[in-house]
Each structure stands twice: as structure tokens, then as C-alpha cells.
N, C-alpha and C. Protein backbone atom coordinates (compact mmCIF):
# COMPACT_ATOMS: atom_id res chain seq x y z
N MET A 1 184.76 160.05 108.88
CA MET A 1 183.47 159.98 109.55
C MET A 1 182.89 158.58 109.43
N GLU A 2 183.09 157.96 108.27
CA GLU A 2 182.56 156.62 108.08
C GLU A 2 183.20 155.63 109.05
N LYS A 3 184.52 155.73 109.26
CA LYS A 3 185.21 154.84 110.17
C LYS A 3 184.77 155.03 111.62
N MET A 4 184.32 156.22 111.94
CA MET A 4 183.85 156.51 113.29
C MET A 4 182.36 156.17 113.47
N GLY A 5 181.71 155.74 112.39
CA GLY A 5 180.30 155.39 112.48
C GLY A 5 179.37 156.60 112.48
N VAL A 6 179.89 157.76 112.07
CA VAL A 6 179.07 158.97 112.02
C VAL A 6 178.33 158.99 110.69
N ARG A 7 177.01 159.06 110.77
CA ARG A 7 176.21 159.10 109.55
C ARG A 7 174.99 159.97 109.77
N ARG A 8 174.44 160.42 108.68
CA ARG A 8 173.24 161.26 108.77
C ARG A 8 172.01 160.37 108.93
N ARG A 9 171.01 160.91 109.62
CA ARG A 9 169.77 160.20 109.86
C ARG A 9 168.60 161.09 109.42
N GLN A 10 167.49 160.44 109.07
CA GLN A 10 166.32 161.19 108.63
C GLN A 10 165.05 160.59 109.22
N VAL A 11 164.07 161.46 109.42
CA VAL A 11 162.74 161.01 109.80
C VAL A 11 161.90 160.94 108.54
N VAL A 12 161.23 159.79 108.35
CA VAL A 12 160.28 159.60 107.26
C VAL A 12 158.94 159.28 107.90
N ALA A 13 157.95 160.12 107.66
CA ALA A 13 156.63 159.93 108.26
C ALA A 13 155.62 159.63 107.17
N GLU A 14 154.83 158.59 107.40
CA GLU A 14 153.75 158.26 106.47
C GLU A 14 152.47 158.88 107.00
N LEU A 15 151.84 159.72 106.19
CA LEU A 15 150.57 160.35 106.55
C LEU A 15 149.43 159.55 105.93
N ASN A 16 148.44 159.20 106.77
CA ASN A 16 147.34 158.35 106.29
C ASN A 16 146.03 159.11 106.08
N GLY A 17 146.07 160.44 106.15
CA GLY A 17 144.86 161.23 105.97
C GLY A 17 144.10 161.48 107.25
N GLU A 18 144.47 160.79 108.34
CA GLU A 18 143.77 160.95 109.61
C GLU A 18 144.56 161.79 110.61
N LYS A 19 145.86 161.60 110.67
CA LYS A 19 146.69 162.31 111.64
C LYS A 19 147.50 163.40 110.95
N THR A 20 147.95 164.35 111.74
CA THR A 20 148.82 165.41 111.23
C THR A 20 150.19 165.29 111.89
N ILE A 21 151.18 165.89 111.26
CA ILE A 21 152.54 165.92 111.79
C ILE A 21 152.95 167.39 111.92
N VAL A 22 153.47 167.75 113.09
CA VAL A 22 153.99 169.10 113.34
C VAL A 22 155.50 168.97 113.39
N ILE A 23 156.21 169.85 112.65
CA ILE A 23 157.67 169.74 112.61
C ILE A 23 158.31 171.08 112.96
N GLN A 24 159.58 171.02 113.32
CA GLN A 24 160.35 172.23 113.57
C GLN A 24 160.45 173.01 112.26
N SER A 25 160.32 174.30 112.33
CA SER A 25 160.39 175.14 111.14
C SER A 25 161.71 174.93 110.41
N GLY A 26 161.63 174.72 109.10
CA GLY A 26 162.83 174.52 108.28
C GLY A 26 163.32 173.09 108.21
N ALA A 27 162.61 172.15 108.85
CA ALA A 27 163.08 170.75 108.90
C ALA A 27 162.60 169.92 107.72
N MET A 28 161.61 170.38 106.95
CA MET A 28 161.06 169.58 105.86
C MET A 28 162.04 169.55 104.68
N GLN A 29 162.27 168.32 104.14
CA GLN A 29 163.09 168.20 102.94
C GLN A 29 162.22 167.99 101.71
N TRP A 30 161.31 167.01 101.76
CA TRP A 30 160.41 166.80 100.63
C TRP A 30 159.19 165.98 101.05
N THR A 31 158.15 166.05 100.20
CA THR A 31 156.95 165.25 100.41
C THR A 31 156.60 164.56 99.10
N ILE A 32 155.85 163.51 99.21
CA ILE A 32 155.29 162.85 98.03
C ILE A 32 153.86 162.44 98.35
N GLY A 33 152.97 162.59 97.39
CA GLY A 33 151.56 162.30 97.61
C GLY A 33 150.79 163.59 97.80
N ASN A 34 149.57 163.45 98.29
CA ASN A 34 148.70 164.59 98.52
C ASN A 34 148.93 165.13 99.93
N VAL A 35 150.08 165.77 100.15
CA VAL A 35 150.47 166.28 101.46
C VAL A 35 150.43 167.80 101.40
N ASN A 36 149.76 168.40 102.39
CA ASN A 36 149.61 169.85 102.42
C ASN A 36 150.15 170.41 103.73
N ALA A 37 150.72 171.60 103.67
CA ALA A 37 151.27 172.26 104.86
C ALA A 37 150.38 173.43 105.26
N THR A 38 150.21 173.59 106.57
CA THR A 38 149.53 174.76 107.11
C THR A 38 150.41 175.32 108.23
N THR A 39 150.08 176.49 108.69
CA THR A 39 150.85 177.09 109.78
C THR A 39 150.36 176.62 111.14
N GLY A 40 149.15 176.10 111.22
CA GLY A 40 148.60 175.69 112.50
C GLY A 40 148.16 176.86 113.37
N ILE A 41 148.17 178.07 112.81
CA ILE A 41 147.77 179.27 113.56
C ILE A 41 146.26 179.45 113.47
N LYS A 42 145.64 179.67 114.63
CA LYS A 42 144.19 179.77 114.68
C LYS A 42 143.69 181.19 114.92
N GLY A 43 144.52 182.19 114.67
CA GLY A 43 144.11 183.58 114.86
C GLY A 43 145.26 184.43 115.33
N ALA A 44 145.00 185.74 115.48
CA ALA A 44 146.05 186.68 115.88
C ALA A 44 146.58 186.39 117.28
N GLY A 45 145.69 186.05 118.21
CA GLY A 45 146.11 185.74 119.57
C GLY A 45 146.99 184.50 119.62
N ASP A 46 146.61 183.49 118.83
CA ASP A 46 147.40 182.25 118.75
C ASP A 46 148.78 182.54 118.18
N PHE A 47 148.83 183.39 117.15
CA PHE A 47 150.12 183.75 116.54
C PHE A 47 151.03 184.45 117.56
N LEU A 48 150.48 185.41 118.29
CA LEU A 48 151.26 186.13 119.29
C LEU A 48 151.76 185.18 120.37
N GLY A 49 150.90 184.29 120.82
CA GLY A 49 151.29 183.32 121.84
C GLY A 49 152.41 182.41 121.36
N LYS A 50 152.34 181.97 120.12
CA LYS A 50 153.38 181.09 119.57
C LYS A 50 154.70 181.83 119.40
N MET A 51 154.64 183.09 119.05
CA MET A 51 155.87 183.87 118.90
C MET A 51 156.56 184.07 120.26
N ILE A 52 155.76 184.30 121.30
CA ILE A 52 156.32 184.45 122.65
C ILE A 52 156.93 183.12 123.10
N LYS A 53 156.22 182.00 122.85
CA LYS A 53 156.76 180.68 123.20
C LYS A 53 158.09 180.44 122.51
N GLY A 54 158.15 180.78 121.24
CA GLY A 54 159.38 180.58 120.47
C GLY A 54 160.53 181.42 121.01
N ALA A 55 160.23 182.63 121.43
CA ALA A 55 161.28 183.53 121.93
C ALA A 55 161.87 183.03 123.24
N VAL A 56 161.07 182.43 124.10
CA VAL A 56 161.58 182.01 125.40
C VAL A 56 162.16 180.60 125.41
N THR A 57 161.83 179.77 124.41
CA THR A 57 162.34 178.39 124.40
C THR A 57 163.42 178.14 123.37
N LYS A 58 163.76 179.11 122.56
CA LYS A 58 164.75 178.97 121.49
C LYS A 58 164.31 177.97 120.42
N GLU A 59 163.03 177.67 120.37
CA GLU A 59 162.43 176.85 119.32
C GLU A 59 161.67 177.80 118.42
N SER A 60 161.37 177.37 117.19
CA SER A 60 160.58 178.25 116.34
C SER A 60 159.16 178.33 116.89
N GLY A 61 158.61 179.54 116.90
CA GLY A 61 157.28 179.74 117.44
C GLY A 61 156.20 179.12 116.58
N VAL A 62 156.29 179.33 115.28
CA VAL A 62 155.30 178.79 114.36
C VAL A 62 155.91 177.54 113.72
N LYS A 63 155.28 176.41 113.98
CA LYS A 63 155.77 175.14 113.46
C LYS A 63 154.80 174.66 112.38
N PRO A 64 155.31 174.33 111.20
CA PRO A 64 154.44 173.85 110.12
C PRO A 64 153.73 172.54 110.51
N GLU A 65 152.50 172.42 110.05
CA GLU A 65 151.70 171.23 110.31
C GLU A 65 151.34 170.60 108.97
N TYR A 66 151.57 169.31 108.82
CA TYR A 66 151.35 168.62 107.55
C TYR A 66 150.20 167.63 107.67
N THR A 67 149.33 167.64 106.66
CA THR A 67 148.17 166.75 106.62
C THR A 67 148.09 166.11 105.24
N GLY A 68 147.22 165.12 105.13
CA GLY A 68 146.97 164.49 103.84
C GLY A 68 147.41 163.04 103.82
N LYS A 69 147.61 162.53 102.60
CA LYS A 69 148.06 161.15 102.42
C LYS A 69 149.34 161.16 101.60
N GLY A 70 150.35 160.50 102.12
CA GLY A 70 151.63 160.44 101.44
C GLY A 70 152.76 160.35 102.44
N TYR A 71 153.93 160.81 102.03
CA TYR A 71 155.12 160.75 102.89
C TYR A 71 155.71 162.14 103.08
N LEU A 72 156.21 162.37 104.29
CA LEU A 72 156.91 163.59 104.65
C LEU A 72 158.30 163.17 105.09
N VAL A 73 159.32 163.74 104.45
CA VAL A 73 160.71 163.41 104.77
C VAL A 73 161.39 164.67 105.28
N LEU A 74 162.03 164.55 106.46
CA LEU A 74 162.70 165.69 107.06
C LEU A 74 164.16 165.76 106.64
N GLU A 75 164.77 166.93 106.83
CA GLU A 75 166.18 167.14 106.48
C GLU A 75 167.06 166.15 107.23
N PRO A 76 168.14 165.69 106.60
CA PRO A 76 169.07 164.81 107.32
C PRO A 76 169.77 165.55 108.46
N THR A 77 170.12 164.81 109.49
CA THR A 77 170.82 165.38 110.63
C THR A 77 171.92 164.44 111.09
N TYR A 78 172.99 164.99 111.63
CA TYR A 78 174.04 164.17 112.20
C TYR A 78 173.74 163.82 113.65
N LYS A 79 172.70 164.42 114.21
CA LYS A 79 172.33 164.11 115.58
C LYS A 79 171.59 162.77 115.61
N TYR A 80 171.43 162.22 116.80
CA TYR A 80 170.70 160.98 116.97
C TYR A 80 169.22 161.28 117.09
N LEU A 81 168.40 160.40 116.55
CA LEU A 81 166.95 160.58 116.60
C LEU A 81 166.38 159.71 117.71
N ILE A 82 165.57 160.30 118.55
CA ILE A 82 164.92 159.58 119.63
C ILE A 82 163.41 159.70 119.43
N LEU A 83 162.74 158.56 119.29
CA LEU A 83 161.29 158.54 119.16
C LEU A 83 160.70 158.08 120.48
N GLN A 84 159.74 158.84 120.98
CA GLN A 84 159.10 158.52 122.26
C GLN A 84 157.59 158.60 122.11
N ASP A 85 156.89 157.67 122.77
CA ASP A 85 155.44 157.70 122.85
C ASP A 85 155.07 158.43 124.13
N LEU A 86 154.37 159.55 124.02
CA LEU A 86 154.06 160.36 125.19
C LEU A 86 153.20 159.63 126.21
N GLU A 87 152.45 158.63 125.78
CA GLU A 87 151.63 157.88 126.73
C GLU A 87 152.50 157.15 127.75
N ASP A 88 153.74 156.85 127.39
CA ASP A 88 154.67 156.20 128.32
C ASP A 88 155.17 157.16 129.39
N TRP A 89 154.91 158.44 129.22
CA TRP A 89 155.43 159.47 130.12
C TRP A 89 154.37 160.00 131.09
N GLY A 90 153.21 159.42 131.10
CA GLY A 90 152.17 159.87 132.03
C GLY A 90 151.69 161.26 131.72
N SER A 91 152.15 162.25 132.48
CA SER A 91 151.66 163.62 132.32
C SER A 91 152.41 164.39 131.23
N GLY A 92 153.34 163.75 130.53
CA GLY A 92 154.07 164.40 129.46
C GLY A 92 155.54 164.55 129.77
N MET A 93 156.27 165.14 128.83
CA MET A 93 157.71 165.33 129.00
C MET A 93 158.09 166.77 128.72
N THR A 94 159.08 167.24 129.45
CA THR A 94 159.66 168.55 129.20
C THR A 94 161.03 168.29 128.60
N ILE A 95 161.37 169.02 127.53
CA ILE A 95 162.62 168.73 126.82
C ILE A 95 163.58 169.92 126.88
N GLU A 96 164.84 169.61 126.73
CA GLU A 96 165.88 170.64 126.71
C GLU A 96 165.73 171.45 125.42
N ASP A 97 166.13 172.71 125.46
CA ASP A 97 166.03 173.60 124.29
C ASP A 97 166.74 173.01 123.08
N GLY A 98 166.11 173.14 121.92
CA GLY A 98 166.73 172.73 120.67
C GLY A 98 166.57 171.26 120.32
N MET A 99 165.88 170.48 121.13
CA MET A 99 165.74 169.05 120.87
C MET A 99 164.52 168.70 120.03
N PHE A 100 163.50 169.56 120.00
CA PHE A 100 162.27 169.23 119.28
C PHE A 100 162.53 169.13 117.79
N LEU A 101 162.06 168.04 117.18
CA LEU A 101 162.14 167.88 115.73
C LEU A 101 160.74 167.74 115.13
N ALA A 102 159.91 166.86 115.69
CA ALA A 102 158.58 166.64 115.13
C ALA A 102 157.69 165.93 116.15
N CYS A 103 156.39 166.00 115.91
CA CYS A 103 155.44 165.25 116.74
C CYS A 103 154.14 165.09 115.98
N GLU A 104 153.31 164.19 116.48
CA GLU A 104 151.97 164.06 115.92
C GLU A 104 151.17 165.29 116.32
N GLY A 105 150.19 165.63 115.51
CA GLY A 105 149.37 166.81 115.76
C GLY A 105 148.57 166.74 117.05
N SER A 106 148.39 165.55 117.60
CA SER A 106 147.64 165.38 118.85
C SER A 106 148.44 165.81 120.07
N VAL A 107 149.73 166.06 119.91
CA VAL A 107 150.60 166.45 121.02
C VAL A 107 150.42 167.94 121.29
N LYS A 108 150.18 168.29 122.54
CA LYS A 108 150.05 169.69 122.93
C LYS A 108 151.42 170.22 123.33
N GLN A 109 151.77 171.41 122.85
CA GLN A 109 153.05 172.04 123.16
C GLN A 109 152.80 173.22 124.09
N LYS A 110 153.45 173.18 125.24
CA LYS A 110 153.31 174.26 126.21
C LYS A 110 154.68 174.71 126.66
N VAL A 111 154.76 175.94 127.12
CA VAL A 111 156.00 176.47 127.68
C VAL A 111 155.88 176.39 129.19
N VAL A 112 156.92 175.82 129.83
CA VAL A 112 156.93 175.74 131.29
C VAL A 112 158.16 176.46 131.82
N MET A 113 157.99 177.08 132.98
CA MET A 113 159.08 177.80 133.61
C MET A 113 159.87 176.83 134.49
N LYS A 114 161.17 176.97 134.49
CA LYS A 114 162.01 176.12 135.34
C LYS A 114 161.67 176.40 136.80
N SER A 115 161.65 175.34 137.59
CA SER A 115 161.29 175.51 138.99
C SER A 115 162.42 176.08 139.82
N ASN A 116 163.66 175.92 139.36
CA ASN A 116 164.80 176.42 140.11
C ASN A 116 165.44 177.56 139.32
N LEU A 117 165.14 178.79 139.71
CA LEU A 117 165.63 179.95 138.97
C LEU A 117 167.15 180.08 139.04
N SER A 118 167.77 179.63 140.14
CA SER A 118 169.22 179.77 140.27
C SER A 118 169.94 178.93 139.22
N SER A 119 169.37 177.77 138.85
CA SER A 119 170.01 176.94 137.83
C SER A 119 169.98 177.64 136.47
N ALA A 120 168.90 178.35 136.21
CA ALA A 120 168.79 179.06 134.93
C ALA A 120 169.72 180.26 134.90
N VAL A 121 169.77 181.01 135.99
CA VAL A 121 170.58 182.23 136.02
C VAL A 121 172.07 181.90 136.11
N LEU A 122 172.45 181.07 137.07
CA LEU A 122 173.86 180.74 137.27
C LEU A 122 174.40 179.83 136.17
N GLY A 123 173.53 179.00 135.59
CA GLY A 123 173.98 178.08 134.55
C GLY A 123 173.97 178.70 133.17
N GLY A 124 173.52 179.95 133.06
CA GLY A 124 173.49 180.61 131.77
C GLY A 124 172.43 180.05 130.83
N GLU A 125 171.43 179.39 131.37
CA GLU A 125 170.37 178.80 130.56
C GLU A 125 169.14 179.70 130.61
N GLY A 126 168.18 179.39 129.76
CA GLY A 126 166.94 180.14 129.76
C GLY A 126 166.05 179.76 130.93
N LEU A 127 165.00 180.52 131.11
CA LEU A 127 164.06 180.28 132.21
C LEU A 127 162.93 179.33 131.81
N PHE A 128 162.81 179.01 130.52
CA PHE A 128 161.66 178.26 130.03
C PHE A 128 162.10 177.06 129.19
N ASN A 129 161.25 176.03 129.18
CA ASN A 129 161.46 174.85 128.34
C ASN A 129 160.15 174.50 127.66
N LEU A 130 160.25 173.71 126.60
CA LEU A 130 159.08 173.23 125.89
C LEU A 130 158.59 171.95 126.55
N SER A 131 157.31 171.89 126.86
CA SER A 131 156.70 170.71 127.45
C SER A 131 155.74 170.10 126.44
N LEU A 132 155.84 168.80 126.23
CA LEU A 132 155.00 168.08 125.28
C LEU A 132 154.03 167.22 126.08
N GLN A 133 152.73 167.39 125.85
CA GLN A 133 151.72 166.70 126.65
C GLN A 133 150.67 166.09 125.75
N GLY A 134 149.93 165.12 126.30
CA GLY A 134 148.87 164.47 125.56
C GLY A 134 149.30 163.10 125.09
N SER A 135 148.86 162.75 123.90
CA SER A 135 149.21 161.44 123.35
C SER A 135 149.78 161.62 121.95
N GLY A 136 150.66 160.71 121.58
CA GLY A 136 151.26 160.73 120.26
C GLY A 136 152.76 160.50 120.34
N ILE A 137 153.35 160.35 119.19
CA ILE A 137 154.79 160.09 119.07
C ILE A 137 155.51 161.43 118.88
N VAL A 138 156.65 161.58 119.54
CA VAL A 138 157.49 162.75 119.35
C VAL A 138 158.87 162.30 118.86
N ALA A 139 159.48 163.11 118.01
CA ALA A 139 160.83 162.85 117.52
C ALA A 139 161.74 163.95 118.05
N LEU A 140 162.80 163.55 118.73
CA LEU A 140 163.75 164.48 119.32
C LEU A 140 165.12 164.29 118.69
N GLU A 141 165.90 165.37 118.62
CA GLU A 141 167.28 165.30 118.16
C GLU A 141 168.19 165.36 119.38
N SER A 142 169.07 164.38 119.50
CA SER A 142 169.95 164.30 120.66
C SER A 142 171.41 164.22 120.22
N ASN A 143 172.30 164.77 121.04
CA ASN A 143 173.73 164.65 120.79
C ASN A 143 174.24 163.27 121.16
N VAL A 144 173.44 162.50 121.88
CA VAL A 144 173.83 161.20 122.41
C VAL A 144 172.80 160.15 121.96
N PRO A 145 173.24 158.94 121.56
CA PRO A 145 172.26 157.91 121.19
C PRO A 145 171.46 157.45 122.41
N MET A 146 170.26 156.96 122.17
CA MET A 146 169.36 156.50 123.23
C MET A 146 170.05 155.47 124.14
N GLU A 147 170.85 154.60 123.56
CA GLU A 147 171.50 153.53 124.33
C GLU A 147 172.48 154.08 125.37
N GLU A 148 172.98 155.29 125.17
CA GLU A 148 173.96 155.86 126.09
C GLU A 148 173.33 156.80 127.13
N LEU A 149 172.04 157.03 127.01
CA LEU A 149 171.36 157.88 127.99
C LEU A 149 171.08 157.09 129.26
N ILE A 150 171.10 157.77 130.37
CA ILE A 150 170.82 157.15 131.66
C ILE A 150 169.45 157.62 132.11
N GLU A 151 168.56 156.66 132.36
CA GLU A 151 167.22 157.00 132.85
C GLU A 151 167.22 156.85 134.36
N ILE A 152 166.78 157.88 135.03
CA ILE A 152 166.73 157.88 136.49
C ILE A 152 165.28 158.09 136.92
N GLN A 153 164.77 157.17 137.73
CA GLN A 153 163.42 157.29 138.27
C GLN A 153 163.53 157.76 139.71
N LEU A 154 162.89 158.87 140.02
CA LEU A 154 162.96 159.44 141.36
C LEU A 154 161.66 159.17 142.12
N GLU A 155 161.81 158.83 143.39
CA GLU A 155 160.66 158.69 144.27
C GLU A 155 161.00 159.42 145.55
N ASN A 156 160.37 160.57 145.74
CA ASN A 156 160.61 161.40 146.92
C ASN A 156 162.09 161.73 147.09
N ASP A 157 162.74 162.07 145.99
CA ASP A 157 164.16 162.38 146.02
C ASP A 157 164.41 163.58 145.11
N VAL A 158 165.64 164.09 145.14
CA VAL A 158 166.01 165.25 144.34
C VAL A 158 167.24 164.90 143.52
N LEU A 159 167.22 165.25 142.24
CA LEU A 159 168.37 165.06 141.36
C LEU A 159 168.83 166.43 140.91
N LYS A 160 170.12 166.71 141.03
CA LYS A 160 170.68 167.98 140.58
C LYS A 160 171.67 167.68 139.47
N ILE A 161 171.49 168.37 138.34
CA ILE A 161 172.34 168.16 137.17
C ILE A 161 172.99 169.48 136.81
N ASP A 162 174.29 169.47 136.59
CA ASP A 162 175.03 170.67 136.24
C ASP A 162 174.84 170.98 134.76
N GLY A 163 174.43 172.19 134.45
CA GLY A 163 174.29 172.60 133.06
C GLY A 163 173.05 172.02 132.39
N ASN A 164 173.08 172.01 131.07
CA ASN A 164 171.93 171.54 130.30
C ASN A 164 172.13 170.09 129.86
N LEU A 165 172.58 169.23 130.76
CA LEU A 165 172.86 167.85 130.40
C LEU A 165 171.68 166.93 130.55
N ALA A 166 170.55 167.41 131.06
CA ALA A 166 169.33 166.61 131.09
C ALA A 166 168.71 166.68 129.70
N VAL A 167 168.26 165.57 129.20
CA VAL A 167 167.65 165.53 127.87
C VAL A 167 166.17 165.86 127.98
N CYS A 168 165.47 165.13 128.85
CA CYS A 168 164.05 165.38 129.07
C CYS A 168 163.67 164.86 130.44
N TRP A 169 162.53 165.34 130.94
CA TRP A 169 162.08 164.93 132.25
C TRP A 169 160.57 165.06 132.31
N SER A 170 159.98 164.33 133.28
CA SER A 170 158.53 164.39 133.44
C SER A 170 158.19 165.30 134.61
């Protein structure tokens, strides 16, 4: 693995007491400092909504939220880490299932339905994806490094991709 350049990567987030970090359930490895975890659930209705979102997107419904001052270190991964500023995406980004790793607490997470039902049914994919909106940094796990991804900007055109090979889209 070393000769092939395969190595594990980790996200290390510094919390300054002002912002929060939301992570994928089970991704936390350790913290240092005055760092506290909450569920981010604001009531029974919120819990039910998050569980439904998790069921349709294959992401965990309840994502831990960390606050305080100190450092939060996530579990190592062999996947590539992609950090994106949502402000660069205008109205936000929709991501492929299983890519979400972490985001700032200011990022809103919504479930969106795919616009083309035949791609979901015939491609064996789900009908829903996680959409990240607002402002803040998001951390995604990708099978491909950022340098090897192809960014395509569409203007009054249509792009068709076979399978789940799109990483994210606006």
C-alpha cells in the first residue's frame, strides 16, 4: 500500500467556542479541550424527520454536533477528503449517498428527490440525496482525489451520467 501511495487521512477540526461541527455518526475518534457533543435534536418531530431523512439517503439520520473550545479528530479513512466552501456553490450542493463526513453547524441539511425517476429505478439507486445549503465548510469522502475529478459547468444543456458516478452537483 505504501508503494502505491495509499494512506489513511483524517479530519482535524479546531473549535473556537463560536462555531459547531456536525459529523457523520460514528466518525469521531477523539477530542481534546472543552468539547461537548449533542444530538442536535430539537424535539420529537425533529427526531422523526431526521430518521426519515437517514432512511432515504443512506446517511445516519441523527448526526452528532460538537461545540466548545478544543480539537475534534475524526476516524482515519482510506478515502480521499474533499473540503468545499458552500458559498462557492451558490444555492448549495447535492451529494451522492455515503459521501457526507462533516460540516459546520451553519450548513443546512435537506433531503431532495432526484428529478429523473428512471435513473433511480433503472440504475438501482435511491430516489433521494442529501443536499447541503447555506454557508460553511463541508468535508466529503470520495473514492477519487479532487485532482482527478472533472468539473462540468452547464448552461442550458443536459448532462447524463450512468450510475452513481457524479460526486456532487448544484
